[in-house]
Amino acid sequence: MAYADRETHLSGSARLSTPIGSVPIPIASTVHQWLRDHPASPQAAIWTGLGTQPSRWRQRGYDDGFTPHNAIAYLRSLRDDQDHPAFEYLRRTPEQIKTPVRLRAEEERIV
């Protein structure tokens, strides 16, 4: 997990720290740069670096692993189980979080 916060005194520069785990430098740098490029935006940015589990997707029959297309197909296969954690995750995620999967699920009225 990476955590970058904006120093609010003097220079207004951002600093980067990695208190938990290890985040590859290119990702940490991207998060850090984004924070610096958006001075009127949030005071902090957190990147959890959650990965997908390609083997799990392949076990479900999706040979190319996780893709937005495969995620939508999987959600369609669960339509009769609206209590499934996948639907709960999409319903509980804040509206401002717009991933390709969420946008498509909303467009297709899956959630």
N, C-alpha and C. Protein backbone atom coordinates (compact mmCIF):
# COMPACT_ATOMS: atom_id res chain seq x y z
N MET A 1 0.85 -1.16 0.00
CA MET A 1 0.00 0.00 0.00
C MET A 1 0.90 1.22 0.00
N ALA A 2 0.55 2.18 -0.79
CA ALA A 2 1.29 3.44 -0.80
C ALA A 2 0.37 4.53 -0.28
N TYR A 3 0.96 5.45 0.43
CA TYR A 3 0.20 6.58 0.94
C TYR A 3 0.99 7.83 0.63
N ALA A 4 0.38 8.75 -0.05
CA ALA A 4 1.03 10.03 -0.36
C ALA A 4 0.13 11.11 0.20
N ASP A 5 0.72 12.05 0.96
CA ASP A 5 -0.10 13.16 1.43
C ASP A 5 0.53 14.47 1.04
N ARG A 6 -0.28 15.51 1.05
CA ARG A 6 0.17 16.83 0.64
C ARG A 6 0.55 17.62 1.88
N GLU A 7 1.76 18.13 1.89
CA GLU A 7 2.19 19.01 2.97
C GLU A 7 1.46 20.34 2.78
N THR A 8 0.75 20.78 3.77
CA THR A 8 -0.03 22.00 3.63
C THR A 8 0.72 23.25 4.08
N HIS A 9 1.91 23.10 4.64
CA HIS A 9 2.65 24.28 5.08
C HIS A 9 3.74 24.63 4.07
N LEU A 10 4.08 25.86 4.00
CA LEU A 10 5.14 26.42 3.16
C LEU A 10 5.01 26.05 1.69
N SER A 11 5.70 25.02 1.25
CA SER A 11 5.83 24.77 -0.19
C SER A 11 4.60 24.11 -0.81
N GLY A 12 3.78 23.44 -0.01
CA GLY A 12 2.63 22.73 -0.57
C GLY A 12 3.06 21.50 -1.36
N SER A 13 4.30 21.05 -1.19
CA SER A 13 4.78 19.89 -1.93
C SER A 13 4.21 18.61 -1.33
N ALA A 14 4.21 17.56 -2.11
CA ALA A 14 3.73 16.27 -1.63
C ALA A 14 4.91 15.40 -1.25
N ARG A 15 4.71 14.53 -0.30
CA ARG A 15 5.76 13.57 0.06
C ARG A 15 5.18 12.17 -0.06
N LEU A 16 6.03 11.21 -0.23
CA LEU A 16 5.57 9.84 -0.45
C LEU A 16 6.16 8.94 0.61
N SER A 17 5.34 8.06 1.15
CA SER A 17 5.84 7.06 2.08
C SER A 17 5.14 5.75 1.77
N THR A 18 5.73 4.64 2.16
CA THR A 18 5.11 3.34 1.96
C THR A 18 5.09 2.63 3.30
N PRO A 19 4.06 2.87 4.12
CA PRO A 19 4.04 2.33 5.46
C PRO A 19 3.74 0.84 5.54
N ILE A 20 3.04 0.28 4.54
CA ILE A 20 2.66 -1.13 4.60
C ILE A 20 3.00 -1.78 3.27
N GLY A 21 3.69 -2.88 3.33
CA GLY A 21 3.98 -3.62 2.11
C GLY A 21 4.96 -2.90 1.21
N SER A 22 4.92 -3.30 -0.03
CA SER A 22 5.86 -2.75 -1.00
C SER A 22 5.10 -2.45 -2.28
N VAL A 23 5.32 -1.29 -2.81
CA VAL A 23 4.67 -0.86 -4.05
C VAL A 23 5.78 -0.58 -5.05
N PRO A 24 5.68 -1.12 -6.27
CA PRO A 24 6.71 -0.85 -7.27
C PRO A 24 6.89 0.65 -7.48
N ILE A 25 8.12 1.07 -7.63
CA ILE A 25 8.44 2.50 -7.76
C ILE A 25 7.64 3.18 -8.87
N PRO A 26 7.46 2.57 -10.06
CA PRO A 26 6.67 3.26 -11.10
C PRO A 26 5.24 3.57 -10.65
N ILE A 27 4.63 2.66 -9.90
CA ILE A 27 3.26 2.90 -9.43
C ILE A 27 3.26 3.98 -8.36
N ALA A 28 4.17 3.87 -7.41
CA ALA A 28 4.25 4.88 -6.35
C ALA A 28 4.52 6.26 -6.96
N SER A 29 5.38 6.31 -7.96
CA SER A 29 5.69 7.59 -8.61
C SER A 29 4.47 8.16 -9.33
N THR A 30 3.69 7.28 -9.95
CA THR A 30 2.48 7.73 -10.65
C THR A 30 1.47 8.31 -9.67
N VAL A 31 1.26 7.63 -8.55
CA VAL A 31 0.32 8.12 -7.53
C VAL A 31 0.82 9.46 -6.99
N HIS A 32 2.10 9.53 -6.70
CA HIS A 32 2.71 10.74 -6.18
C HIS A 32 2.56 11.90 -7.18
N GLN A 33 2.86 11.64 -8.43
CA GLN A 33 2.76 12.68 -9.46
C GLN A 33 1.32 13.14 -9.63
N TRP A 34 0.38 12.21 -9.60
CA TRP A 34 -1.03 12.57 -9.73
C TRP A 34 -1.41 13.54 -8.62
N LEU A 35 -1.00 13.24 -7.41
CA LEU A 35 -1.31 14.10 -6.28
C LEU A 35 -0.71 15.49 -6.46
N ARG A 36 0.52 15.53 -6.95
CA ARG A 36 1.18 16.83 -7.16
C ARG A 36 0.51 17.62 -8.29
N ASP A 37 0.00 16.91 -9.31
CA ASP A 37 -0.62 17.57 -10.46
C ASP A 37 -2.04 18.07 -10.16
N HIS A 38 -2.60 17.70 -9.04
CA HIS A 38 -3.96 18.08 -8.68
C HIS A 38 -3.95 18.83 -7.35
N PRO A 39 -3.38 20.02 -7.33
CA PRO A 39 -3.23 20.74 -6.06
C PRO A 39 -4.54 21.10 -5.37
N ALA A 40 -5.62 21.23 -6.11
CA ALA A 40 -6.90 21.59 -5.49
C ALA A 40 -7.71 20.35 -5.13
N SER A 41 -7.15 19.18 -5.40
CA SER A 41 -7.86 17.93 -5.17
C SER A 41 -7.61 17.40 -3.76
N PRO A 42 -7.77 16.12 -3.57
CA PRO A 42 -7.67 15.55 -2.22
C PRO A 42 -6.34 15.86 -1.54
N GLN A 43 -6.37 15.76 -0.24
CA GLN A 43 -5.16 15.97 0.55
C GLN A 43 -4.30 14.71 0.60
N ALA A 44 -4.82 13.59 0.16
CA ALA A 44 -4.06 12.34 0.21
C ALA A 44 -4.56 11.40 -0.89
N ALA A 45 -3.70 10.47 -1.24
CA ALA A 45 -4.07 9.43 -2.20
C ALA A 45 -3.55 8.11 -1.66
N ILE A 46 -4.37 7.09 -1.74
CA ILE A 46 -3.98 5.76 -1.27
C ILE A 46 -4.13 4.79 -2.42
N TRP A 47 -3.10 4.01 -2.65
CA TRP A 47 -3.12 2.99 -3.70
C TRP A 47 -2.93 1.65 -3.03
N THR A 48 -3.91 0.78 -3.14
CA THR A 48 -3.82 -0.52 -2.50
C THR A 48 -3.14 -1.55 -3.37
N GLY A 49 -3.12 -1.32 -4.67
CA GLY A 49 -2.44 -2.24 -5.57
C GLY A 49 -3.08 -3.62 -5.60
N LEU A 50 -4.39 -3.69 -5.48
CA LEU A 50 -5.05 -4.98 -5.53
C LEU A 50 -4.89 -5.59 -6.91
N GLY A 51 -4.47 -6.79 -6.94
CA GLY A 51 -4.30 -7.47 -8.21
C GLY A 51 -5.49 -8.35 -8.52
N THR A 52 -5.54 -8.81 -9.72
CA THR A 52 -6.56 -9.79 -10.07
C THR A 52 -5.93 -11.15 -9.91
N GLN A 53 -6.74 -12.14 -9.85
CA GLN A 53 -6.24 -13.50 -9.72
C GLN A 53 -6.51 -14.23 -11.03
N PRO A 54 -5.56 -14.13 -11.98
CA PRO A 54 -5.80 -14.70 -13.31
C PRO A 54 -6.18 -16.17 -13.27
N SER A 55 -5.56 -16.94 -12.36
CA SER A 55 -5.86 -18.36 -12.33
C SER A 55 -7.32 -18.60 -11.95
N ARG A 56 -7.87 -17.78 -11.06
CA ARG A 56 -9.27 -17.93 -10.68
C ARG A 56 -10.17 -17.65 -11.88
N TRP A 57 -9.85 -16.63 -12.66
CA TRP A 57 -10.65 -16.33 -13.83
C TRP A 57 -10.52 -17.44 -14.87
N ARG A 58 -9.34 -17.98 -15.01
CA ARG A 58 -9.16 -19.08 -15.97
C ARG A 58 -9.92 -20.33 -15.51
N GLN A 59 -9.97 -20.57 -14.20
CA GLN A 59 -10.72 -21.70 -13.67
C GLN A 59 -12.22 -21.57 -13.98
N ARG A 60 -12.69 -20.34 -14.08
CA ARG A 60 -14.10 -20.10 -14.40
C ARG A 60 -14.37 -20.16 -15.90
N GLY A 61 -13.32 -20.40 -16.69
CA GLY A 61 -13.49 -20.55 -18.14
C GLY A 61 -13.16 -19.31 -18.94
N TYR A 62 -12.58 -18.30 -18.33
CA TYR A 62 -12.20 -17.08 -19.03
C TYR A 62 -10.71 -17.17 -19.34
N ASP A 63 -10.39 -17.68 -20.53
CA ASP A 63 -9.01 -17.98 -20.88
C ASP A 63 -8.07 -16.79 -20.85
N ASP A 64 -8.58 -15.59 -21.10
CA ASP A 64 -7.71 -14.42 -21.10
C ASP A 64 -7.72 -13.71 -19.74
N GLY A 65 -8.18 -14.40 -18.69
CA GLY A 65 -8.13 -13.83 -17.35
C GLY A 65 -9.15 -12.72 -17.16
N PHE A 66 -8.82 -11.79 -16.27
CA PHE A 66 -9.74 -10.70 -15.97
C PHE A 66 -9.70 -9.65 -17.06
N THR A 67 -10.85 -9.32 -17.59
CA THR A 67 -11.05 -8.18 -18.49
C THR A 67 -12.41 -7.60 -18.13
N PRO A 68 -12.67 -6.35 -18.45
CA PRO A 68 -14.02 -5.82 -18.20
C PRO A 68 -15.10 -6.66 -18.89
N HIS A 69 -14.83 -7.11 -20.10
CA HIS A 69 -15.79 -7.95 -20.82
C HIS A 69 -16.09 -9.23 -20.03
N ASN A 70 -15.04 -9.89 -19.53
CA ASN A 70 -15.24 -11.12 -18.76
C ASN A 70 -15.95 -10.84 -17.44
N ALA A 71 -15.66 -9.72 -16.82
CA ALA A 71 -16.33 -9.37 -15.56
C ALA A 71 -17.83 -9.19 -15.79
N ILE A 72 -18.21 -8.55 -16.88
CA ILE A 72 -19.63 -8.36 -17.20
C ILE A 72 -20.28 -9.70 -17.49
N ALA A 73 -19.59 -10.56 -18.23
CA ALA A 73 -20.14 -11.89 -18.51
C ALA A 73 -20.35 -12.66 -17.21
N TYR A 74 -19.41 -12.55 -16.29
CA TYR A 74 -19.54 -13.22 -15.00
C TYR A 74 -20.73 -12.66 -14.22
N LEU A 75 -20.88 -11.34 -14.20
CA LEU A 75 -22.02 -10.74 -13.51
C LEU A 75 -23.34 -11.20 -14.12
N ARG A 76 -23.38 -11.29 -15.44
CA ARG A 76 -24.60 -11.79 -16.09
C ARG A 76 -24.93 -13.20 -15.63
N SER A 77 -23.89 -14.01 -15.44
CA SER A 77 -24.13 -15.40 -15.01
C SER A 77 -24.67 -15.46 -13.58
N LEU A 78 -24.54 -14.37 -12.84
CA LEU A 78 -25.00 -14.31 -11.45
C LEU A 78 -26.32 -13.57 -11.28
N ARG A 79 -26.95 -13.17 -12.35
CA ARG A 79 -28.14 -12.31 -12.26
C ARG A 79 -29.19 -12.82 -11.28
N ASP A 80 -29.34 -14.13 -11.16
CA ASP A 80 -30.35 -14.68 -10.26
C ASP A 80 -29.92 -14.61 -8.80
N ASP A 81 -28.69 -14.23 -8.55
CA ASP A 81 -28.16 -14.17 -7.19
C ASP A 81 -27.73 -12.74 -6.86
N GLN A 82 -28.70 -11.85 -6.74
CA GLN A 82 -28.41 -10.44 -6.48
C GLN A 82 -27.74 -10.20 -5.13
N ASP A 83 -27.72 -11.20 -4.25
CA ASP A 83 -27.03 -11.08 -2.96
C ASP A 83 -25.56 -11.48 -3.06
N HIS A 84 -25.11 -11.87 -4.23
CA HIS A 84 -23.72 -12.28 -4.41
C HIS A 84 -22.80 -11.10 -4.06
N PRO A 85 -21.67 -11.37 -3.43
CA PRO A 85 -20.74 -10.29 -3.05
C PRO A 85 -20.31 -9.40 -4.21
N ALA A 86 -20.28 -9.92 -5.43
CA ALA A 86 -19.88 -9.09 -6.58
C ALA A 86 -20.87 -7.94 -6.77
N PHE A 87 -22.16 -8.22 -6.63
CA PHE A 87 -23.16 -7.17 -6.77
C PHE A 87 -23.10 -6.20 -5.60
N GLU A 88 -22.90 -6.76 -4.42
CA GLU A 88 -22.80 -5.90 -3.23
C GLU A 88 -21.63 -4.94 -3.37
N TYR A 89 -20.51 -5.44 -3.87
CA TYR A 89 -19.33 -4.61 -4.08
C TYR A 89 -19.65 -3.44 -5.01
N LEU A 90 -20.30 -3.73 -6.12
CA LEU A 90 -20.65 -2.67 -7.07
C LEU A 90 -21.65 -1.68 -6.49
N ARG A 91 -22.61 -2.18 -5.71
CA ARG A 91 -23.61 -1.28 -5.12
C ARG A 91 -23.02 -0.39 -4.03
N ARG A 92 -22.06 -0.92 -3.28
CA ARG A 92 -21.51 -0.18 -2.14
C ARG A 92 -20.34 0.74 -2.48
N THR A 93 -19.77 0.57 -3.66
CA THR A 93 -18.66 1.43 -4.07
C THR A 93 -19.18 2.85 -4.29
N PRO A 94 -18.48 3.86 -3.77
CA PRO A 94 -18.94 5.23 -3.95
C PRO A 94 -19.15 5.58 -5.43
N GLU A 95 -20.15 6.39 -5.69
CA GLU A 95 -20.51 6.74 -7.06
C GLU A 95 -19.39 7.36 -7.86
N GLN A 96 -18.49 8.08 -7.21
CA GLN A 96 -17.41 8.75 -7.94
C GLN A 96 -16.36 7.77 -8.46
N ILE A 97 -16.40 6.53 -8.02
CA ILE A 97 -15.47 5.51 -8.52
C ILE A 97 -16.06 4.95 -9.80
N LYS A 98 -15.44 5.28 -10.92
CA LYS A 98 -15.96 4.89 -12.23
C LYS A 98 -14.94 4.01 -12.95
N THR A 99 -15.03 2.71 -12.71
CA THR A 99 -14.15 1.78 -13.41
C THR A 99 -14.84 1.33 -14.69
N PRO A 100 -14.09 0.78 -15.64
CA PRO A 100 -14.74 0.27 -16.86
C PRO A 100 -15.82 -0.77 -16.56
N VAL A 101 -15.60 -1.61 -15.56
CA VAL A 101 -16.60 -2.63 -15.23
C VAL A 101 -17.86 -1.97 -14.67
N ARG A 102 -17.68 -1.04 -13.77
CA ARG A 102 -18.85 -0.39 -13.17
C ARG A 102 -19.64 0.39 -14.21
N LEU A 103 -18.96 1.15 -15.06
CA LEU A 103 -19.65 1.93 -16.09
C LEU A 103 -20.47 1.01 -16.99
N ARG A 104 -19.87 -0.08 -17.39
CA ARG A 104 -20.58 -1.00 -18.29
C ARG A 104 -21.74 -1.70 -17.58
N ALA A 105 -21.52 -2.06 -16.31
CA ALA A 105 -22.60 -2.70 -15.54
C ALA A 105 -23.79 -1.74 -15.38
N GLU A 106 -23.49 -0.47 -15.17
CA GLU A 106 -24.56 0.53 -15.06
C GLU A 106 -25.26 0.73 -16.41
N GLU A 107 -24.47 0.84 -17.49
CA GLU A 107 -25.05 1.00 -18.83
C GLU A 107 -25.99 -0.15 -19.17
N GLU A 108 -25.58 -1.35 -18.81
CA GLU A 108 -26.38 -2.54 -19.13
C GLU A 108 -27.41 -2.88 -18.06
N ARG A 109 -27.50 -2.01 -17.06
CA ARG A 109 -28.45 -2.17 -15.95
C ARG A 109 -28.32 -3.53 -15.27
N ILE A 110 -27.08 -3.94 -15.07
CA ILE A 110 -26.82 -5.20 -14.37
C ILE A 110 -26.92 -4.99 -12.88
N VAL A 111 -26.57 -3.79 -12.42
CA VAL A 111 -26.69 -3.46 -10.98
C VAL A 111 -27.66 -2.33 -10.81
